[in-house]
Amino acid sequence: MPEVNIAGPDGRLEGRYHPQPNVDRSPVALILHPHPQFGGTMNNKIVYNLFHAFVRKGFSALRFNFRGVGKSQGTFDNGQGELSDAASALDWLQASNPNASACWVAGFSFGAWISMQLLMRRPEIDSFISIAPPANVLDFSFLAPCPASGLIVHGADDDIVPTEEVEKLAVKLQNQRGIGITYETIVGANHFFEEKLPDLDTRIERYLTTAVA
């Protein structure tokens, strides 16, 4: 899994990239980590597991550190700069895979918020996976309408983001025509899915198996 350096808008971005060898048209996936000011990095366990779930399904996958995290240059920018970082990372991923058959984004918590904004700005993104989107503290009203189908997974015992707030977001998206939103909750799971990571991995694996069949 090679370490890569991506030219970001505020300096170098540190990433980990897994290409699919000898597959010219493999789909690509970009995975975004949780809040940088609360310890979020590309090595977060959920981000790491998402990354490898995509790799197992034949994707060329990239995860990276937002500005100011790890070896990435720059400083935290309240989401605006991080969205620009994600756009630069997606540019790099697409340039590395010009014949990709599909493009996905995925994110956990803060990373889910950034990934959904990127989804709205990049029509080439075909689908998404959103884990514990913080719908109670960050504005998701820009999803009007949501342009792509995807999966939302939330912990039923999340004490940071109330399940009701994520359910309202999911129902709103499910009522749109032309896309399919799968919404799943995991009983006993908190915001970080402690002790429930195998259940989360199973849901992700099952969704990808169906979606890329």
N, C-alpha and C. Protein backbone atom coordinates (compact mmCIF):
# COMPACT_ATOMS: atom_id res chain seq x y z
N MET A 1 0.84 -1.18 0.00
CA MET A 1 0.00 0.00 0.00
C MET A 1 0.89 1.25 0.00
N PRO A 2 1.16 1.83 -1.15
CA PRO A 2 2.13 2.92 -1.20
C PRO A 2 1.63 4.20 -0.54
N GLU A 3 2.56 4.89 0.12
CA GLU A 3 2.29 6.24 0.61
C GLU A 3 2.39 7.19 -0.58
N VAL A 4 1.47 8.14 -0.66
CA VAL A 4 1.48 9.09 -1.77
C VAL A 4 1.41 10.50 -1.20
N ASN A 5 1.94 11.44 -1.98
CA ASN A 5 1.86 12.86 -1.66
C ASN A 5 1.06 13.55 -2.74
N ILE A 6 0.02 14.23 -2.34
CA ILE A 6 -0.90 14.88 -3.27
C ILE A 6 -0.74 16.39 -3.14
N ALA A 7 -0.69 17.08 -4.27
CA ALA A 7 -0.61 18.53 -4.25
C ALA A 7 -1.98 19.10 -3.87
N GLY A 8 -2.11 19.59 -2.67
CA GLY A 8 -3.36 20.16 -2.21
C GLY A 8 -3.37 21.67 -2.34
N PRO A 9 -4.49 22.31 -2.07
CA PRO A 9 -4.59 23.76 -2.22
C PRO A 9 -3.81 24.53 -1.16
N ASP A 10 -3.43 23.87 -0.06
CA ASP A 10 -2.69 24.54 1.01
C ASP A 10 -1.40 23.79 1.33
N GLY A 11 -0.89 23.04 0.35
CA GLY A 11 0.34 22.30 0.54
C GLY A 11 0.15 20.81 0.31
N ARG A 12 1.16 20.05 0.66
CA ARG A 12 1.17 18.61 0.43
C ARG A 12 0.15 17.90 1.32
N LEU A 13 -0.54 16.91 0.73
CA LEU A 13 -1.46 16.06 1.47
C LEU A 13 -0.91 14.64 1.50
N GLU A 14 -0.87 14.06 2.68
CA GLU A 14 -0.37 12.70 2.87
C GLU A 14 -1.49 11.69 2.64
N GLY A 15 -1.23 10.66 1.84
CA GLY A 15 -2.26 9.67 1.57
C GLY A 15 -1.73 8.26 1.50
N ARG A 16 -2.66 7.32 1.49
CA ARG A 16 -2.37 5.91 1.25
C ARG A 16 -3.25 5.45 0.08
N TYR A 17 -2.61 4.81 -0.88
CA TYR A 17 -3.29 4.46 -2.12
C TYR A 17 -3.08 2.99 -2.42
N HIS A 18 -4.17 2.31 -2.79
CA HIS A 18 -4.08 0.91 -3.19
C HIS A 18 -4.66 0.77 -4.60
N PRO A 19 -3.81 0.69 -5.63
CA PRO A 19 -4.31 0.49 -6.98
C PRO A 19 -4.64 -0.98 -7.22
N GLN A 20 -5.51 -1.22 -8.16
CA GLN A 20 -5.78 -2.60 -8.58
C GLN A 20 -4.82 -2.94 -9.71
N PRO A 21 -3.90 -3.85 -9.47
CA PRO A 21 -2.89 -4.15 -10.50
C PRO A 21 -3.51 -4.79 -11.73
N ASN A 22 -3.04 -4.32 -12.88
CA ASN A 22 -3.44 -4.90 -14.17
C ASN A 22 -4.93 -4.80 -14.46
N VAL A 23 -5.60 -3.82 -13.83
CA VAL A 23 -7.02 -3.60 -14.10
C VAL A 23 -7.18 -2.16 -14.56
N ASP A 24 -7.30 -1.98 -15.87
CA ASP A 24 -7.30 -0.63 -16.43
C ASP A 24 -8.56 0.14 -16.09
N ARG A 25 -9.68 -0.57 -15.95
CA ARG A 25 -10.94 0.13 -15.74
C ARG A 25 -11.53 -0.13 -14.34
N SER A 26 -10.70 -0.37 -13.37
CA SER A 26 -11.22 -0.60 -12.02
C SER A 26 -11.92 0.66 -11.52
N PRO A 27 -13.02 0.49 -10.77
CA PRO A 27 -13.67 1.65 -10.15
C PRO A 27 -12.75 2.27 -9.11
N VAL A 28 -13.02 3.50 -8.72
CA VAL A 28 -12.19 4.19 -7.73
C VAL A 28 -13.06 4.62 -6.55
N ALA A 29 -12.41 4.73 -5.39
CA ALA A 29 -13.12 5.16 -4.18
C ALA A 29 -12.21 6.08 -3.37
N LEU A 30 -12.78 7.17 -2.88
CA LEU A 30 -12.10 8.13 -2.01
C LEU A 30 -12.76 8.06 -0.64
N ILE A 31 -11.95 7.88 0.42
CA ILE A 31 -12.48 7.71 1.76
C ILE A 31 -11.96 8.85 2.65
N LEU A 32 -12.88 9.50 3.38
CA LEU A 32 -12.57 10.70 4.15
C LEU A 32 -12.73 10.45 5.65
N HIS A 33 -11.79 11.00 6.43
CA HIS A 33 -11.72 10.70 7.86
C HIS A 33 -12.51 11.68 8.72
N PRO A 34 -12.72 11.34 10.00
CA PRO A 34 -13.50 12.21 10.88
C PRO A 34 -12.77 13.48 11.29
N HIS A 35 -13.37 14.24 12.18
CA HIS A 35 -12.97 15.61 12.48
C HIS A 35 -11.51 15.72 12.92
N PRO A 36 -10.72 16.54 12.22
CA PRO A 36 -9.30 16.67 12.56
C PRO A 36 -9.06 17.20 13.97
N GLN A 37 -9.96 18.01 14.49
CA GLN A 37 -9.74 18.60 15.82
C GLN A 37 -10.15 17.68 16.96
N PHE A 38 -10.67 16.52 16.62
CA PHE A 38 -11.04 15.54 17.63
C PHE A 38 -10.33 14.20 17.39
N GLY A 39 -9.13 14.30 16.84
CA GLY A 39 -8.31 13.11 16.67
C GLY A 39 -8.53 12.34 15.39
N GLY A 40 -9.31 12.87 14.46
CA GLY A 40 -9.57 12.15 13.22
C GLY A 40 -8.38 12.12 12.30
N THR A 41 -8.07 10.92 11.78
CA THR A 41 -7.00 10.76 10.80
C THR A 41 -7.40 9.68 9.81
N MET A 42 -6.61 9.54 8.77
CA MET A 42 -6.88 8.51 7.76
C MET A 42 -6.67 7.11 8.32
N ASN A 43 -6.03 7.00 9.50
CA ASN A 43 -5.81 5.70 10.13
C ASN A 43 -6.90 5.35 11.14
N ASN A 44 -7.93 6.18 11.24
CA ASN A 44 -9.10 5.82 12.03
C ASN A 44 -9.58 4.44 11.60
N LYS A 45 -9.98 3.61 12.56
CA LYS A 45 -10.30 2.22 12.28
C LYS A 45 -11.44 2.09 11.27
N ILE A 46 -12.46 2.93 11.37
CA ILE A 46 -13.59 2.85 10.44
C ILE A 46 -13.14 3.24 9.04
N VAL A 47 -12.33 4.28 8.94
CA VAL A 47 -11.81 4.70 7.64
C VAL A 47 -10.92 3.60 7.04
N TYR A 48 -10.07 3.03 7.87
CA TYR A 48 -9.20 1.94 7.43
C TYR A 48 -10.02 0.76 6.92
N ASN A 49 -11.05 0.39 7.65
CA ASN A 49 -11.88 -0.74 7.24
C ASN A 49 -12.66 -0.44 5.96
N LEU A 50 -13.17 0.79 5.83
CA LEU A 50 -13.84 1.19 4.60
C LEU A 50 -12.89 1.05 3.41
N PHE A 51 -11.70 1.56 3.58
CA PHE A 51 -10.67 1.50 2.54
C PHE A 51 -10.46 0.07 2.06
N HIS A 52 -10.29 -0.84 2.99
CA HIS A 52 -10.00 -2.22 2.61
C HIS A 52 -11.25 -2.94 2.09
N ALA A 53 -12.42 -2.52 2.52
CA ALA A 53 -13.64 -3.10 1.95
C ALA A 53 -13.74 -2.78 0.47
N PHE A 54 -13.43 -1.54 0.11
CA PHE A 54 -13.43 -1.17 -1.31
C PHE A 54 -12.37 -1.93 -2.08
N VAL A 55 -11.18 -2.06 -1.50
CA VAL A 55 -10.11 -2.78 -2.19
C VAL A 55 -10.52 -4.22 -2.46
N ARG A 56 -11.14 -4.87 -1.48
CA ARG A 56 -11.57 -6.26 -1.66
C ARG A 56 -12.59 -6.40 -2.77
N LYS A 57 -13.35 -5.34 -3.04
CA LYS A 57 -14.37 -5.38 -4.09
C LYS A 57 -13.84 -4.90 -5.43
N GLY A 58 -12.53 -4.76 -5.55
CA GLY A 58 -11.93 -4.45 -6.84
C GLY A 58 -11.74 -2.97 -7.14
N PHE A 59 -11.87 -2.11 -6.14
CA PHE A 59 -11.66 -0.67 -6.33
C PHE A 59 -10.19 -0.31 -6.16
N SER A 60 -9.76 0.70 -6.88
CA SER A 60 -8.53 1.40 -6.55
C SER A 60 -8.92 2.48 -5.54
N ALA A 61 -8.38 2.41 -4.33
CA ALA A 61 -8.88 3.23 -3.23
C ALA A 61 -7.81 4.17 -2.69
N LEU A 62 -8.27 5.34 -2.24
CA LEU A 62 -7.38 6.35 -1.67
C LEU A 62 -7.99 6.88 -0.38
N ARG A 63 -7.17 6.91 0.67
CA ARG A 63 -7.53 7.66 1.88
C ARG A 63 -6.40 8.63 2.14
N PHE A 64 -6.68 9.76 2.77
CA PHE A 64 -5.64 10.76 2.98
C PHE A 64 -5.95 11.57 4.23
N ASN A 65 -4.95 12.28 4.71
CA ASN A 65 -5.12 13.18 5.84
C ASN A 65 -5.47 14.58 5.36
N PHE A 66 -6.53 15.15 5.94
CA PHE A 66 -6.85 16.55 5.67
C PHE A 66 -5.69 17.44 6.12
N ARG A 67 -5.70 18.66 5.65
CA ARG A 67 -4.67 19.65 6.01
C ARG A 67 -4.45 19.72 7.52
N GLY A 68 -3.18 19.77 7.90
CA GLY A 68 -2.83 19.88 9.31
C GLY A 68 -2.84 18.59 10.09
N VAL A 69 -3.14 17.47 9.43
CA VAL A 69 -3.19 16.16 10.10
C VAL A 69 -2.03 15.31 9.61
N GLY A 70 -1.33 14.65 10.54
CA GLY A 70 -0.19 13.82 10.14
C GLY A 70 0.86 14.64 9.39
N LYS A 71 1.24 14.16 8.22
CA LYS A 71 2.23 14.86 7.42
C LYS A 71 1.62 15.85 6.44
N SER A 72 0.31 16.00 6.45
CA SER A 72 -0.34 16.95 5.54
C SER A 72 -0.11 18.38 6.01
N GLN A 73 0.21 19.23 5.07
CA GLN A 73 0.51 20.62 5.38
C GLN A 73 -0.77 21.45 5.50
N GLY A 74 -0.64 22.63 6.12
CA GLY A 74 -1.77 23.52 6.27
C GLY A 74 -2.38 23.45 7.66
N THR A 75 -3.47 24.17 7.85
CA THR A 75 -4.17 24.21 9.13
C THR A 75 -5.67 24.02 8.92
N PHE A 76 -6.33 23.56 9.97
CA PHE A 76 -7.76 23.29 9.91
C PHE A 76 -8.53 24.52 9.44
N ASP A 77 -9.55 24.28 8.59
CA ASP A 77 -10.26 25.41 7.95
C ASP A 77 -11.78 25.26 8.04
N ASN A 78 -12.27 24.61 9.09
CA ASN A 78 -13.70 24.56 9.38
C ASN A 78 -14.55 23.95 8.27
N GLY A 79 -13.95 23.14 7.43
CA GLY A 79 -14.70 22.42 6.41
C GLY A 79 -14.49 22.94 5.00
N GLN A 80 -14.34 24.24 4.85
CA GLN A 80 -14.19 24.79 3.50
C GLN A 80 -12.88 24.33 2.87
N GLY A 81 -11.79 24.47 3.60
CA GLY A 81 -10.50 24.02 3.08
C GLY A 81 -10.43 22.51 2.94
N GLU A 82 -11.08 21.81 3.87
CA GLU A 82 -11.09 20.35 3.81
C GLU A 82 -11.85 19.84 2.59
N LEU A 83 -12.90 20.56 2.19
CA LEU A 83 -13.60 20.22 0.96
C LEU A 83 -12.69 20.41 -0.25
N SER A 84 -11.90 21.47 -0.23
CA SER A 84 -10.92 21.69 -1.31
C SER A 84 -9.86 20.59 -1.31
N ASP A 85 -9.45 20.15 -0.11
CA ASP A 85 -8.50 19.03 -0.03
C ASP A 85 -9.09 17.78 -0.68
N ALA A 86 -10.36 17.50 -0.35
CA ALA A 86 -11.01 16.30 -0.91
C ALA A 86 -11.11 16.39 -2.42
N ALA A 87 -11.41 17.58 -2.94
CA ALA A 87 -11.49 17.76 -4.39
C ALA A 87 -10.13 17.51 -5.04
N SER A 88 -9.06 17.99 -4.41
CA SER A 88 -7.71 17.76 -4.94
C SER A 88 -7.36 16.27 -4.91
N ALA A 89 -7.75 15.59 -3.83
CA ALA A 89 -7.49 14.15 -3.73
C ALA A 89 -8.26 13.38 -4.80
N LEU A 90 -9.49 13.80 -5.06
CA LEU A 90 -10.27 13.14 -6.11
C LEU A 90 -9.65 13.40 -7.48
N ASP A 91 -9.17 14.62 -7.71
CA ASP A 91 -8.48 14.92 -8.97
C ASP A 91 -7.29 13.98 -9.16
N TRP A 92 -6.51 13.79 -8.09
CA TRP A 92 -5.34 12.91 -8.15
C TRP A 92 -5.75 11.49 -8.46
N LEU A 93 -6.80 11.02 -7.79
CA LEU A 93 -7.27 9.65 -7.97
C LEU A 93 -7.76 9.42 -9.39
N GLN A 94 -8.48 10.39 -9.92
CA GLN A 94 -8.99 10.26 -11.29
C GLN A 94 -7.86 10.35 -12.30
N ALA A 95 -6.88 11.20 -12.06
CA ALA A 95 -5.75 11.30 -12.98
C ALA A 95 -4.94 10.00 -13.00
N SER A 96 -4.93 9.31 -11.86
CA SER A 96 -4.22 8.03 -11.76
C SER A 96 -5.01 6.88 -12.37
N ASN A 97 -6.30 7.11 -12.59
CA ASN A 97 -7.19 6.07 -13.12
C ASN A 97 -8.12 6.68 -14.18
N PRO A 98 -7.56 7.12 -15.30
CA PRO A 98 -8.36 7.86 -16.29
C PRO A 98 -9.48 7.04 -16.92
N ASN A 99 -9.39 5.72 -16.83
CA ASN A 99 -10.41 4.87 -17.44
C ASN A 99 -11.30 4.18 -16.40
N ALA A 100 -11.36 4.74 -15.22
CA ALA A 100 -12.15 4.12 -14.14
C ALA A 100 -13.60 3.93 -14.57
N SER A 101 -14.13 2.76 -14.20
CA SER A 101 -15.51 2.43 -14.59
C SER A 101 -16.55 3.08 -13.71
N ALA A 102 -16.17 3.53 -12.51
CA ALA A 102 -17.11 4.17 -11.59
C ALA A 102 -16.31 4.93 -10.54
N CYS A 103 -17.00 5.85 -9.85
CA CYS A 103 -16.36 6.67 -8.84
C CYS A 103 -17.26 6.75 -7.60
N TRP A 104 -16.70 6.41 -6.45
CA TRP A 104 -17.43 6.43 -5.19
C TRP A 104 -16.71 7.33 -4.19
N VAL A 105 -17.50 7.89 -3.25
CA VAL A 105 -16.93 8.57 -2.09
C VAL A 105 -17.51 7.95 -0.84
N ALA A 106 -16.73 7.98 0.23
CA ALA A 106 -17.20 7.46 1.51
C ALA A 106 -16.58 8.29 2.62
N GLY A 107 -17.27 8.38 3.74
CA GLY A 107 -16.73 9.14 4.85
C GLY A 107 -17.40 8.79 6.16
N PHE A 108 -16.68 9.06 7.24
CA PHE A 108 -17.16 8.80 8.59
C PHE A 108 -17.27 10.12 9.34
N SER A 109 -18.46 10.40 9.90
CA SER A 109 -18.73 11.58 10.72
C SER A 109 -18.42 12.87 9.92
N PHE A 110 -17.48 13.70 10.38
CA PHE A 110 -17.09 14.89 9.63
C PHE A 110 -16.74 14.54 8.19
N GLY A 111 -16.08 13.42 7.99
CA GLY A 111 -15.73 12.98 6.64
C GLY A 111 -16.95 12.67 5.80
N ALA A 112 -18.05 12.22 6.44
CA ALA A 112 -19.30 11.99 5.71
C ALA A 112 -19.87 13.31 5.21
N TRP A 113 -19.79 14.34 6.04
CA TRP A 113 -20.28 15.67 5.66
C TRP A 113 -19.49 16.22 4.47
N ILE A 114 -18.17 16.12 4.54
CA ILE A 114 -17.35 16.60 3.42
C ILE A 114 -17.62 15.77 2.17
N SER A 115 -17.75 14.46 2.31
CA SER A 115 -17.95 13.61 1.13
C SER A 115 -19.27 13.92 0.44
N MET A 116 -20.30 14.24 1.21
CA MET A 116 -21.60 14.56 0.60
C MET A 116 -21.56 15.92 -0.11
N GLN A 117 -20.77 16.85 0.41
CA GLN A 117 -20.60 18.12 -0.30
C GLN A 117 -19.85 17.90 -1.61
N LEU A 118 -18.84 17.05 -1.56
CA LEU A 118 -18.09 16.73 -2.78
C LEU A 118 -19.01 16.07 -3.80
N LEU A 119 -19.88 15.21 -3.33
CA LEU A 119 -20.85 14.54 -4.19
C LEU A 119 -21.70 15.54 -4.96
N MET A 120 -22.09 16.62 -4.30
CA MET A 120 -22.93 17.64 -4.94
C MET A 120 -22.17 18.42 -6.01
N ARG A 121 -20.86 18.50 -5.86
CA ARG A 121 -20.06 19.33 -6.76
C ARG A 121 -19.42 18.56 -7.90
N ARG A 122 -19.42 17.22 -7.82
CA ARG A 122 -18.73 16.43 -8.82
C ARG A 122 -19.69 15.41 -9.43
N PRO A 123 -20.28 15.74 -10.57
CA PRO A 123 -21.29 14.86 -11.17
C PRO A 123 -20.78 13.49 -11.57
N GLU A 124 -19.46 13.32 -11.63
CA GLU A 124 -18.93 12.01 -12.01
C GLU A 124 -19.00 11.01 -10.86
N ILE A 125 -19.31 11.45 -9.65
CA ILE A 125 -19.42 10.53 -8.52
C ILE A 125 -20.72 9.74 -8.65
N ASP A 126 -20.60 8.42 -8.64
CA ASP A 126 -21.74 7.55 -8.90
C ASP A 126 -22.49 7.11 -7.64
N SER A 127 -21.78 7.02 -6.51
CA SER A 127 -22.44 6.50 -5.31
C SER A 127 -21.62 6.87 -4.09
N PHE A 128 -22.20 6.62 -2.89
CA PHE A 128 -21.54 7.02 -1.65
C PHE A 128 -21.85 6.05 -0.53
N ILE A 129 -20.99 6.08 0.49
CA ILE A 129 -21.25 5.44 1.78
C ILE A 129 -21.01 6.48 2.86
N SER A 130 -22.01 6.70 3.69
CA SER A 130 -21.95 7.73 4.72
C SER A 130 -22.14 7.06 6.09
N ILE A 131 -21.12 7.13 6.92
CA ILE A 131 -21.15 6.50 8.24
C ILE A 131 -21.30 7.58 9.31
N ALA A 132 -22.37 7.48 10.11
CA ALA A 132 -22.63 8.41 11.22
C ALA A 132 -22.53 9.87 10.81
N PRO A 133 -23.29 10.29 9.79
CA PRO A 133 -23.24 11.70 9.39
C PRO A 133 -23.75 12.59 10.52
N PRO A 134 -23.02 13.64 10.90
CA PRO A 134 -23.40 14.48 12.04
C PRO A 134 -24.50 15.49 11.71
N ALA A 135 -25.68 14.96 11.45
CA ALA A 135 -26.78 15.80 10.96
C ALA A 135 -27.32 16.76 12.01
N ASN A 136 -26.94 16.59 13.26
CA ASN A 136 -27.42 17.49 14.31
C ASN A 136 -26.57 18.74 14.46
N VAL A 137 -25.32 18.71 14.02
CA VAL A 137 -24.42 19.85 14.24
C VAL A 137 -23.90 20.47 12.94
N LEU A 138 -24.02 19.76 11.83
CA LEU A 138 -23.56 20.28 10.55
C LEU A 138 -24.73 20.27 9.55
N ASP A 139 -24.71 21.22 8.65
CA ASP A 139 -25.83 21.45 7.75
C ASP A 139 -25.74 20.54 6.52
N PHE A 140 -26.75 19.69 6.36
CA PHE A 140 -26.83 18.82 5.19
C PHE A 140 -27.93 19.27 4.22
N SER A 141 -28.42 20.50 4.37
CA SER A 141 -29.52 20.97 3.52
C SER A 141 -29.10 21.15 2.07
N PHE A 142 -27.78 21.14 1.80
CA PHE A 142 -27.31 21.26 0.42
C PHE A 142 -27.70 20.06 -0.43
N LEU A 143 -28.12 18.96 0.20
CA LEU A 143 -28.54 17.77 -0.54
C LEU A 143 -29.95 17.98 -1.07
N ALA A 144 -30.06 18.87 -2.04
CA ALA A 144 -31.37 19.25 -2.54
C ALA A 144 -31.32 19.47 -4.06
N PRO A 145 -31.52 18.39 -4.83
CA PRO A 145 -31.65 17.00 -4.37
C PRO A 145 -30.30 16.31 -4.31
N CYS A 146 -30.29 15.14 -3.67
CA CYS A 146 -29.09 14.30 -3.65
C CYS A 146 -28.93 13.66 -5.03
N PRO A 147 -27.76 13.77 -5.66
CA PRO A 147 -27.63 13.33 -7.05
C PRO A 147 -27.29 11.86 -7.25
N ALA A 148 -27.08 11.10 -6.17
CA ALA A 148 -26.62 9.72 -6.36
C ALA A 148 -27.16 8.82 -5.25
N SER A 149 -27.22 7.55 -5.55
CA SER A 149 -27.65 6.55 -4.57
C SER A 149 -26.52 6.22 -3.61
N GLY A 150 -26.89 5.67 -2.44
CA GLY A 150 -25.85 5.31 -1.50
C GLY A 150 -26.37 4.67 -0.24
N LEU A 151 -25.45 4.45 0.69
CA LEU A 151 -25.72 3.79 1.96
C LEU A 151 -25.42 4.75 3.10
N ILE A 152 -26.35 4.83 4.06
CA ILE A 152 -26.14 5.56 5.30
C ILE A 152 -26.26 4.56 6.44
N VAL A 153 -25.24 4.52 7.31
CA VAL A 153 -25.26 3.63 8.47
C VAL A 153 -25.05 4.46 9.72
N HIS A 154 -25.86 4.18 10.75
CA HIS A 154 -25.76 4.95 11.99
C HIS A 154 -25.90 4.02 13.19
N GLY A 155 -25.26 4.39 14.29
CA GLY A 155 -25.38 3.62 15.52
C GLY A 155 -26.66 3.96 16.25
N ALA A 156 -27.43 2.97 16.62
CA ALA A 156 -28.70 3.21 17.30
C ALA A 156 -28.51 3.83 18.68
N ASP A 157 -27.32 3.66 19.27
CA ASP A 157 -27.03 4.22 20.58
C ASP A 157 -25.99 5.33 20.51
N ASP A 158 -25.98 6.05 19.39
CA ASP A 158 -25.05 7.16 19.21
C ASP A 158 -25.42 8.28 20.18
N ASP A 159 -24.49 8.62 21.09
CA ASP A 159 -24.76 9.67 22.08
C ASP A 159 -24.19 11.02 21.65
N ILE A 160 -23.66 11.10 20.45
CA ILE A 160 -23.15 12.36 19.89
C ILE A 160 -24.09 12.89 18.82
N VAL A 161 -24.54 12.01 17.96
CA VAL A 161 -25.48 12.37 16.88
C VAL A 161 -26.76 11.56 17.09
N PRO A 162 -27.85 12.19 17.52
CA PRO A 162 -29.08 11.44 17.77
C PRO A 162 -29.57 10.71 16.52
N THR A 163 -30.00 9.49 16.71
CA THR A 163 -30.48 8.68 15.59
C THR A 163 -31.62 9.38 14.85
N GLU A 164 -32.46 10.09 15.58
CA GLU A 164 -33.62 10.75 14.97
C GLU A 164 -33.20 11.76 13.90
N GLU A 165 -32.09 12.44 14.14
CA GLU A 165 -31.63 13.45 13.18
C GLU A 165 -31.14 12.79 11.89
N VAL A 166 -30.45 11.68 12.00
CA VAL A 166 -29.96 10.99 10.81
C VAL A 166 -31.12 10.32 10.08
N GLU A 167 -32.07 9.81 10.83
CA GLU A 167 -33.25 9.19 10.20
C GLU A 167 -34.02 10.22 9.38
N LYS A 168 -34.16 11.44 9.91
CA LYS A 168 -34.85 12.49 9.16
C LYS A 168 -34.12 12.80 7.85
N LEU A 169 -32.80 12.84 7.92
CA LEU A 169 -32.02 13.08 6.71
C LEU A 169 -32.21 11.94 5.72
N ALA A 170 -32.15 10.70 6.21
CA ALA A 170 -32.30 9.55 5.32
C ALA A 170 -33.68 9.52 4.67
N VAL A 171 -34.72 9.78 5.45
CA VAL A 171 -36.09 9.77 4.90
C VAL A 171 -36.24 10.85 3.84
N LYS A 172 -35.68 12.02 4.10
CA LYS A 172 -35.74 13.10 3.11
C LYS A 172 -35.12 12.66 1.79
N LEU A 173 -33.97 12.01 1.87
CA LEU A 173 -33.30 11.56 0.65
C LEU A 173 -34.04 10.41 -0.01
N GLN A 174 -34.61 9.52 0.80
CA GLN A 174 -35.35 8.38 0.25
C GLN A 174 -36.60 8.81 -0.51
N ASN A 175 -37.12 9.99 -0.21
CA ASN A 175 -38.33 10.47 -0.87
C ASN A 175 -38.04 11.08 -2.24
N GLN A 176 -36.78 11.21 -2.59
CA GLN A 176 -36.43 11.74 -3.91
C GLN A 176 -36.57 10.66 -4.98
N ARG A 177 -36.95 11.08 -6.14
CA ARG A 177 -37.09 10.15 -7.26
C ARG A 177 -35.76 9.91 -7.94
N GLY A 178 -35.60 8.70 -8.44
CA GLY A 178 -34.46 8.40 -9.29
C GLY A 178 -33.22 7.93 -8.58
N ILE A 179 -33.23 7.93 -7.25
CA ILE A 179 -32.08 7.41 -6.52
C ILE A 179 -32.57 6.43 -5.45
N GLY A 180 -31.66 5.61 -4.96
CA GLY A 180 -31.99 4.67 -3.90
C GLY A 180 -31.09 4.89 -2.70
N ILE A 181 -31.68 5.17 -1.56
CA ILE A 181 -30.91 5.38 -0.33
C ILE A 181 -31.21 4.23 0.63
N THR A 182 -30.19 3.48 0.97
CA THR A 182 -30.30 2.42 1.97
C THR A 182 -29.88 2.99 3.31
N TYR A 183 -30.78 2.92 4.29
CA TYR A 183 -30.49 3.44 5.63
C TYR A 183 -30.55 2.30 6.63
N GLU A 184 -29.46 2.10 7.36
CA GLU A 184 -29.40 1.02 8.33
C GLU A 184 -28.88 1.53 9.67
N THR A 185 -29.45 1.02 10.76
CA THR A 185 -28.94 1.30 12.09
C THR A 185 -28.39 0.02 12.70
N ILE A 186 -27.43 0.18 13.59
CA ILE A 186 -26.83 -0.96 14.26
C ILE A 186 -27.12 -0.86 15.75
N VAL A 187 -27.90 -1.78 16.25
CA VAL A 187 -28.30 -1.79 17.65
C VAL A 187 -27.07 -1.92 18.54
N GLY A 188 -27.00 -1.09 19.59
CA GLY A 188 -25.90 -1.16 20.53
C GLY A 188 -24.65 -0.41 20.12
N ALA A 189 -24.68 0.21 18.94
CA ALA A 189 -23.49 0.92 18.44
C ALA A 189 -23.53 2.38 18.84
N ASN A 190 -22.39 2.89 19.35
CA ASN A 190 -22.27 4.31 19.63
C ASN A 190 -21.69 5.02 18.40
N HIS A 191 -21.30 6.26 18.57
CA HIS A 191 -20.84 7.04 17.42
C HIS A 191 -19.60 6.42 16.77
N PHE A 192 -18.77 5.77 17.57
CA PHE A 192 -17.52 5.20 17.06
C PHE A 192 -17.62 3.70 16.80
N PHE A 193 -18.82 3.16 16.96
CA PHE A 193 -19.09 1.73 16.70
C PHE A 193 -18.16 0.83 17.49
N GLU A 194 -17.81 1.28 18.70
CA GLU A 194 -16.97 0.46 19.58
C GLU A 194 -17.68 -0.85 19.87
N GLU A 195 -16.95 -1.93 19.72
CA GLU A 195 -17.45 -3.30 19.91
C GLU A 195 -18.48 -3.70 18.85
N LYS A 196 -18.75 -2.83 17.90
CA LYS A 196 -19.71 -3.15 16.83
C LYS A 196 -19.09 -3.01 15.44
N LEU A 197 -17.78 -2.89 15.39
CA LEU A 197 -17.11 -2.75 14.09
C LEU A 197 -17.38 -3.94 13.16
N PRO A 198 -17.39 -5.18 13.67
CA PRO A 198 -17.71 -6.29 12.76
C PRO A 198 -19.10 -6.16 12.14
N ASP A 199 -20.07 -5.67 12.91
CA ASP A 199 -21.41 -5.46 12.36
C ASP A 199 -21.39 -4.39 11.28
N LEU A 200 -20.66 -3.31 11.53
CA LEU A 200 -20.54 -2.25 10.53
C LEU A 200 -19.87 -2.77 9.27
N ASP A 201 -18.80 -3.52 9.43
CA ASP A 201 -18.09 -4.08 8.28
C ASP A 201 -19.02 -4.99 7.45
N THR A 202 -19.86 -5.75 8.13
CA THR A 202 -20.79 -6.65 7.44
C THR A 202 -21.77 -5.86 6.59
N ARG A 203 -22.30 -4.76 7.16
CA ARG A 203 -23.26 -3.94 6.40
C ARG A 203 -22.61 -3.33 5.16
N ILE A 204 -21.39 -2.85 5.32
CA ILE A 204 -20.69 -2.24 4.20
C ILE A 204 -20.39 -3.28 3.12
N GLU A 205 -19.89 -4.43 3.55
CA GLU A 205 -19.56 -5.50 2.61
C GLU A 205 -20.79 -5.94 1.83
N ARG A 206 -21.90 -6.08 2.53
CA ARG A 206 -23.15 -6.52 1.90
C ARG A 206 -23.63 -5.50 0.88
N TYR A 207 -23.55 -4.22 1.24
CA TYR A 207 -24.00 -3.18 0.31
C TYR A 207 -23.12 -3.14 -0.94
N LEU A 208 -21.81 -3.19 -0.75
CA LEU A 208 -20.91 -3.15 -1.90
C LEU A 208 -21.09 -4.36 -2.80
N THR A 209 -21.31 -5.52 -2.20
CA THR A 209 -21.52 -6.74 -2.99
C THR A 209 -22.71 -6.58 -3.92
N THR A 210 -23.78 -5.99 -3.39
CA THR A 210 -24.99 -5.79 -4.19
C THR A 210 -24.81 -4.68 -5.22
N ALA A 211 -24.18 -3.59 -4.80
CA ALA A 211 -24.10 -2.40 -5.65
C ALA A 211 -23.15 -2.57 -6.82
N VAL A 212 -22.09 -3.36 -6.66
CA VAL A 212 -21.10 -3.48 -7.73
C VAL A 212 -21.21 -4.82 -8.46
N ALA A 213 -22.27 -5.57 -8.19
CA ALA A 213 -22.45 -6.87 -8.84
C ALA A 213 -22.64 -6.69 -10.35
